[in-house]
Amino acid sequence: MALFRRPAGLSPTPMDVSMKEEDLCQAFSNTLLCKIEDIDNEDWENPQLCSDYVKDIYQYLRQLEVQQSVNPHFLDGKDINGRMRAILVDWLVQVHSKFRLLQETLYMCIAIMDRFLQVQPVSRKKLQLVGVTALLLASKYEEIFCPNVEDFVYITDNAYTSSQIREMEILILKELKFELGRPLPLHFLRRASKAGESLKQQYYTGYTENDVLEVMQHMAKNIVKVNENLTKFIAIKNKYASSKLMKISTFPQLNSKIVQDLASPLLGRS
């Protein structure tokens, strides 16, 4: 029995209306859910897929993505500019391939580096030190067998000492408060590819086509610039041209009209 009753004749309060709207939204969501295939339904026998918790895990990753977001203009006013970062990333991709590290390690390396550069002023002389230390940290987090500090000293042609790398490692960890568990693009790519169909992808990723359009345009722009030799940063193309990675960067679809049209607004083409 309710403790309080609304006197007869009074209209519903705003709170009552809001609660009804929430109930309707929930009912509508439940109806939609019934029509969406549960892509985790058959994974219950595989404990590594965490089918009982996977939806909660991805919801948490989405929250973490917002909390650890990197400002699109995080290098504005800094001693480091976008071109310097691009040169470093291109080099890190080559180092990553040389050491034969996991894909997650590269993604995490770039995330650690950008988050650190966003909050900590770094001189040009120490930019490579930040990059190589970020790769060391990511290796420790993701790899079963991590390269030694001396390996990273060697790969920089002795530009930095082991002590300098270890000091930078401590500084980065302190600045990031040891919070390295950032959601990576690969996590969401695997989820989206598992969903497969566009209706299911929108439901399981939480993004509409309009939400991802701008990112798609920037990706298309970079693809066109690489394919038309408009940039010197081709480490990613070379990496994905290998048979081990199915020669993805050589697919003819990357030169299709769809990609060209997506890139056109950012390339100043009509």
Protein backbone atom coordinates (compact mmCIF):
# COMPACT_ATOMS: atom_id res chain seq x y z
CA MET A 1 0.00 0.00 0.00
CA ALA A 2 1.28 3.47 -0.90
CA LEU A 3 2.10 5.71 2.08
CA PHE A 4 0.86 8.84 0.31
CA ARG A 5 -1.99 9.25 -2.15
CA ARG A 6 -2.66 12.15 -4.49
CA PRO A 7 -5.91 13.95 -3.56
CA ALA A 8 -8.70 13.33 -6.05
CA GLY A 9 -8.93 15.81 -8.88
CA LEU A 10 -5.25 16.83 -8.95
CA SER A 11 -3.31 16.42 -12.19
CA PRO A 12 -0.16 14.26 -12.31
CA THR A 13 3.03 15.89 -11.05
CA PRO A 14 6.05 16.41 -13.35
CA MET A 15 7.75 13.55 -11.52
CA ASP A 16 4.82 11.25 -12.33
CA VAL A 17 4.99 12.20 -15.99
CA SER A 18 8.77 11.69 -16.04
CA MET A 19 8.44 8.25 -14.45
CA LYS A 20 5.83 7.25 -17.02
CA GLU A 21 8.10 8.39 -19.84
CA GLU A 22 10.96 6.34 -18.41
CA ASP A 23 8.69 3.30 -18.16
CA LEU A 24 7.62 3.73 -21.79
CA CYS A 25 11.23 4.13 -22.93
CA GLN A 26 12.23 1.00 -21.04
CA ALA A 27 9.32 -0.93 -22.50
CA PHE A 28 10.26 0.26 -25.98
CA SER A 29 13.89 -0.75 -25.40
CA ASN A 30 12.80 -4.18 -24.21
CA THR A 31 10.68 -4.59 -27.34
CA LEU A 32 13.64 -3.71 -29.54
CA LEU A 33 15.89 -6.05 -27.59
CA CYS A 34 13.56 -8.93 -28.29
CA LYS A 35 14.04 -8.32 -32.02
CA ILE A 36 17.85 -8.12 -31.81
CA GLU A 37 19.74 -11.38 -31.91
CA ASP A 38 21.75 -12.07 -28.76
CA ILE A 39 25.23 -12.49 -30.23
CA ASP A 40 26.55 -13.85 -26.93
CA ASN A 41 23.91 -16.51 -26.46
CA GLU A 42 26.05 -19.40 -27.69
CA ASP A 43 29.24 -18.42 -25.87
CA TRP A 44 28.30 -19.73 -22.44
CA GLU A 45 30.61 -22.75 -22.77
CA ASN A 46 33.69 -20.55 -23.32
CA PRO A 47 34.71 -18.85 -20.05
CA GLN A 48 37.14 -16.56 -21.88
CA LEU A 49 34.26 -14.83 -23.68
CA CYS A 50 32.53 -13.92 -20.38
CA SER A 51 29.08 -14.14 -21.95
CA ASP A 52 27.35 -13.47 -18.62
CA TYR A 53 29.17 -10.18 -18.14
CA VAL A 54 30.19 -9.07 -21.62
CA LYS A 55 27.42 -6.44 -21.99
CA ASP A 56 28.31 -4.90 -18.64
CA ILE A 57 32.00 -4.97 -19.58
CA TYR A 58 31.40 -2.99 -22.77
CA GLN A 59 29.16 -0.55 -20.97
CA TYR A 60 32.01 0.05 -18.52
CA LEU A 61 34.50 0.45 -21.38
CA ARG A 62 32.29 3.14 -22.90
CA GLN A 63 32.29 5.02 -19.60
CA LEU A 64 36.05 4.63 -19.30
CA GLU A 65 36.48 5.91 -22.84
CA VAL A 66 34.83 9.19 -21.84
CA GLN A 67 36.78 9.50 -18.60
CA GLN A 68 40.13 9.00 -20.35
CA SER A 69 39.33 10.93 -23.51
CA VAL A 70 42.02 12.89 -25.33
CA ASN A 71 41.19 16.42 -26.51
CA PRO A 72 41.31 16.64 -30.34
CA HIS A 73 43.47 19.79 -30.00
CA PHE A 74 45.64 18.52 -27.16
CA LEU A 75 48.86 19.67 -28.84
CA ASP A 76 47.74 23.28 -29.32
CA GLY A 77 50.17 25.65 -27.64
CA LYS A 78 52.63 22.83 -26.95
CA ASP A 79 56.26 22.56 -28.06
CA ILE A 80 55.22 19.37 -29.88
CA ASN A 81 53.06 19.65 -33.01
CA GLY A 82 51.01 17.19 -35.02
CA ARG A 83 53.72 16.55 -37.61
CA MET A 84 56.24 15.59 -34.93
CA ARG A 85 53.72 13.22 -33.40
CA ALA A 86 53.02 11.71 -36.83
CA ILE A 87 56.74 11.08 -37.42
CA LEU A 88 57.01 9.42 -34.01
CA VAL A 89 53.93 7.23 -34.54
CA ASP A 90 55.23 6.15 -37.95
CA TRP A 91 58.51 5.12 -36.31
CA LEU A 92 56.74 3.34 -33.44
CA VAL A 93 54.76 1.27 -35.93
CA GLN A 94 58.04 0.08 -37.44
CA VAL A 95 59.50 -0.69 -34.00
CA HIS A 96 56.33 -2.55 -33.07
CA SER A 97 56.68 -4.71 -36.18
CA LYS A 98 60.41 -5.25 -35.55
CA PHE A 99 59.69 -6.61 -32.07
CA ARG A 100 56.70 -8.62 -33.36
CA LEU A 101 54.41 -7.33 -30.64
CA LEU A 102 50.64 -7.79 -30.31
CA GLN A 103 48.22 -5.40 -31.99
CA GLU A 104 46.87 -4.38 -28.58
CA THR A 105 50.36 -3.25 -27.59
CA LEU A 106 50.56 -0.71 -30.40
CA TYR A 107 47.11 0.69 -29.68
CA MET A 108 47.88 1.00 -25.99
CA CYS A 109 51.27 2.59 -26.69
CA ILE A 110 49.67 5.41 -28.71
CA ALA A 111 46.96 5.88 -26.07
CA ILE A 112 49.50 6.14 -23.25
CA MET A 113 51.64 8.56 -25.23
CA ASP A 114 48.75 10.87 -26.15
CA ARG A 115 47.28 10.91 -22.65
CA PHE A 116 50.69 11.82 -21.25
CA LEU A 117 51.40 14.53 -23.84
CA GLN A 118 48.00 16.04 -23.05
CA VAL A 119 48.85 16.68 -19.40
CA GLN A 120 52.64 16.95 -19.34
CA PRO A 121 54.79 19.47 -21.27
CA VAL A 122 57.46 17.61 -23.23
CA SER A 123 60.42 19.09 -25.08
CA ARG A 124 61.20 18.05 -28.64
CA LYS A 125 64.37 16.31 -27.48
CA LYS A 126 62.37 14.02 -25.19
CA LEU A 127 59.48 13.21 -27.52
CA GLN A 128 61.05 9.98 -28.78
CA LEU A 129 61.85 9.06 -25.17
CA VAL A 130 58.14 9.39 -24.32
CA GLY A 131 57.19 7.26 -27.31
CA VAL A 132 59.62 4.44 -26.65
CA THR A 133 58.74 4.41 -22.94
CA ALA A 134 55.04 4.26 -23.78
CA LEU A 135 55.79 1.21 -25.94
CA LEU A 136 57.70 -0.36 -23.05
CA LEU A 137 54.75 0.20 -20.69
CA ALA A 138 52.27 -1.17 -23.20
CA SER A 139 54.49 -4.23 -23.72
CA LYS A 140 54.57 -4.90 -19.99
CA TYR A 141 50.78 -4.63 -19.87
CA GLU A 142 49.90 -6.74 -22.93
CA GLU A 143 52.77 -9.06 -23.80
CA ILE A 144 53.67 -12.44 -22.30
CA PHE A 145 57.33 -11.85 -23.11
CA CYS A 146 58.20 -8.17 -22.97
CA PRO A 147 61.36 -6.74 -24.63
CA ASN A 148 64.04 -5.61 -22.18
CA VAL A 149 64.80 -1.95 -21.49
CA GLU A 150 68.13 -2.48 -23.25
CA ASP A 151 66.23 -3.47 -26.40
CA PHE A 152 64.52 -0.09 -26.39
CA VAL A 153 67.85 1.66 -25.81
CA TYR A 154 69.26 -0.15 -28.83
CA ILE A 155 66.28 0.64 -31.06
CA THR A 156 66.79 4.37 -30.38
CA ASP A 157 70.43 4.05 -31.44
CA ASN A 158 71.51 4.81 -27.85
CA ALA A 159 69.83 8.23 -27.95
CA TYR A 160 68.66 7.54 -24.38
CA THR A 161 70.03 5.48 -21.51
CA SER A 162 68.27 2.76 -19.54
CA SER A 163 68.08 5.14 -16.58
CA GLN A 164 66.35 7.81 -18.64
CA ILE A 165 63.76 5.32 -19.89
CA ARG A 166 63.09 4.08 -16.36
CA GLU A 167 62.76 7.65 -15.06
CA MET A 168 60.31 8.47 -17.84
CA GLU A 169 58.41 5.27 -17.06
CA ILE A 170 57.91 6.41 -13.46
CA LEU A 171 56.86 9.89 -14.58
CA ILE A 172 54.28 8.58 -17.05
CA LEU A 173 52.80 6.15 -14.51
CA LYS A 174 52.49 8.90 -11.91
CA GLU A 175 50.86 11.33 -14.34
CA LEU A 176 48.36 8.70 -15.49
CA LYS A 177 47.83 7.52 -11.90
CA PHE A 178 48.72 3.98 -13.02
CA GLU A 179 45.41 3.86 -14.95
CA LEU A 180 46.50 2.00 -18.06
CA GLY A 181 43.35 -0.04 -18.67
CA ARG A 182 42.08 2.22 -21.42
CA PRO A 183 39.54 0.77 -23.89
CA LEU A 184 41.22 0.27 -27.25
CA PRO A 185 39.78 0.49 -30.79
CA LEU A 186 40.46 -3.21 -31.19
CA HIS A 187 38.07 -4.04 -28.34
CA PHE A 188 35.19 -2.31 -30.09
CA LEU A 189 36.18 -3.51 -33.56
CA ARG A 190 35.93 -7.10 -32.40
CA ARG A 191 32.54 -6.45 -30.85
CA ALA A 192 31.22 -4.68 -33.96
CA SER A 193 32.50 -7.38 -36.30
CA LYS A 194 30.83 -10.02 -34.17
CA ALA A 195 27.51 -8.21 -34.44
CA GLY A 196 27.97 -8.16 -38.21
CA GLU A 197 24.71 -6.69 -39.52
CA SER A 198 24.22 -2.90 -39.39
CA LEU A 199 21.04 -3.01 -37.24
CA LYS A 200 22.84 -5.22 -34.67
CA GLN A 201 26.03 -3.12 -34.85
CA GLN A 202 24.14 0.03 -33.95
CA TYR A 203 22.55 -1.72 -30.98
CA TYR A 204 25.69 -3.38 -29.64
CA THR A 205 28.08 -0.46 -30.23
CA GLY A 206 25.65 2.31 -29.28
CA TYR A 207 26.70 4.41 -32.31
CA THR A 208 24.60 5.49 -35.29
CA GLU A 209 26.02 6.14 -38.75
CA ASN A 210 26.00 9.89 -38.09
CA ASP A 211 28.01 9.36 -34.90
CA VAL A 212 30.90 7.75 -36.79
CA LEU A 213 30.71 9.74 -40.04
CA GLU A 214 33.35 12.31 -39.10
CA VAL A 215 35.80 9.63 -37.99
CA MET A 216 35.16 7.70 -41.21
CA GLN A 217 35.94 10.84 -43.23
CA HIS A 218 39.27 11.34 -41.47
CA MET A 219 40.18 7.69 -41.98
CA ALA A 220 39.26 7.92 -45.65
CA LYS A 221 41.35 11.08 -46.00
CA ASN A 222 44.41 9.30 -44.60
CA ILE A 223 43.85 6.33 -46.89
CA VAL A 224 43.65 8.57 -49.96
CA LYS A 225 46.76 10.52 -48.94
CA VAL A 226 48.74 7.29 -48.56
CA ASN A 227 47.49 5.76 -51.80
CA GLU A 228 48.17 8.95 -53.77
CA ASN A 229 51.63 9.43 -52.25
CA LEU A 230 50.57 12.67 -50.56
CA THR A 231 52.30 11.73 -47.31
CA LYS A 232 55.62 10.20 -46.26
CA PHE A 233 54.06 8.31 -43.35
CA ILE A 234 53.47 4.88 -44.90
CA ALA A 235 54.54 2.52 -42.10
CA ILE A 236 50.95 1.42 -41.52
CA LYS A 237 50.44 0.69 -45.24
CA ASN A 238 53.65 -1.31 -45.40
CA LYS A 239 52.76 -3.21 -42.26
CA TYR A 240 49.34 -4.24 -43.54
CA ALA A 241 50.73 -5.13 -46.96
CA SER A 242 52.27 -8.28 -45.49
CA SER A 243 50.73 -11.68 -46.13
CA LYS A 244 50.58 -12.23 -42.36
CA LEU A 245 47.98 -9.45 -42.17
CA MET A 246 46.19 -10.62 -45.35
CA LYS A 247 47.60 -7.71 -47.40
CA ILE A 248 44.69 -5.57 -46.26
CA SER A 249 46.30 -2.29 -47.32
CA THR A 250 46.48 -3.50 -50.93
CA PHE A 251 42.75 -4.20 -51.27
CA PRO A 252 41.29 -2.40 -54.34
CA GLN A 253 38.28 -1.33 -52.26
CA LEU A 254 40.53 1.25 -50.57
CA ASN A 255 40.64 3.11 -53.89
CA SER A 256 36.90 2.92 -54.41
CA LYS A 257 34.58 5.86 -55.10
CA ILE A 258 33.04 5.45 -51.64
CA VAL A 259 36.39 6.13 -49.96
CA GLN A 260 37.11 8.99 -52.36
CA ASP A 261 33.73 10.61 -51.66
CA LEU A 262 34.18 10.30 -47.91
CA ALA A 263 37.60 11.94 -48.08
CA SER A 264 36.67 14.73 -50.52
CA PRO A 265 35.34 17.29 -47.99
CA LEU A 266 38.54 17.11 -45.92
CA LEU A 267 40.79 17.21 -48.98
CA GLY A 268 39.08 20.27 -50.40
CA ARG A 269 37.75 18.39 -53.43
CA SER A 270 34.34 18.83 -54.91
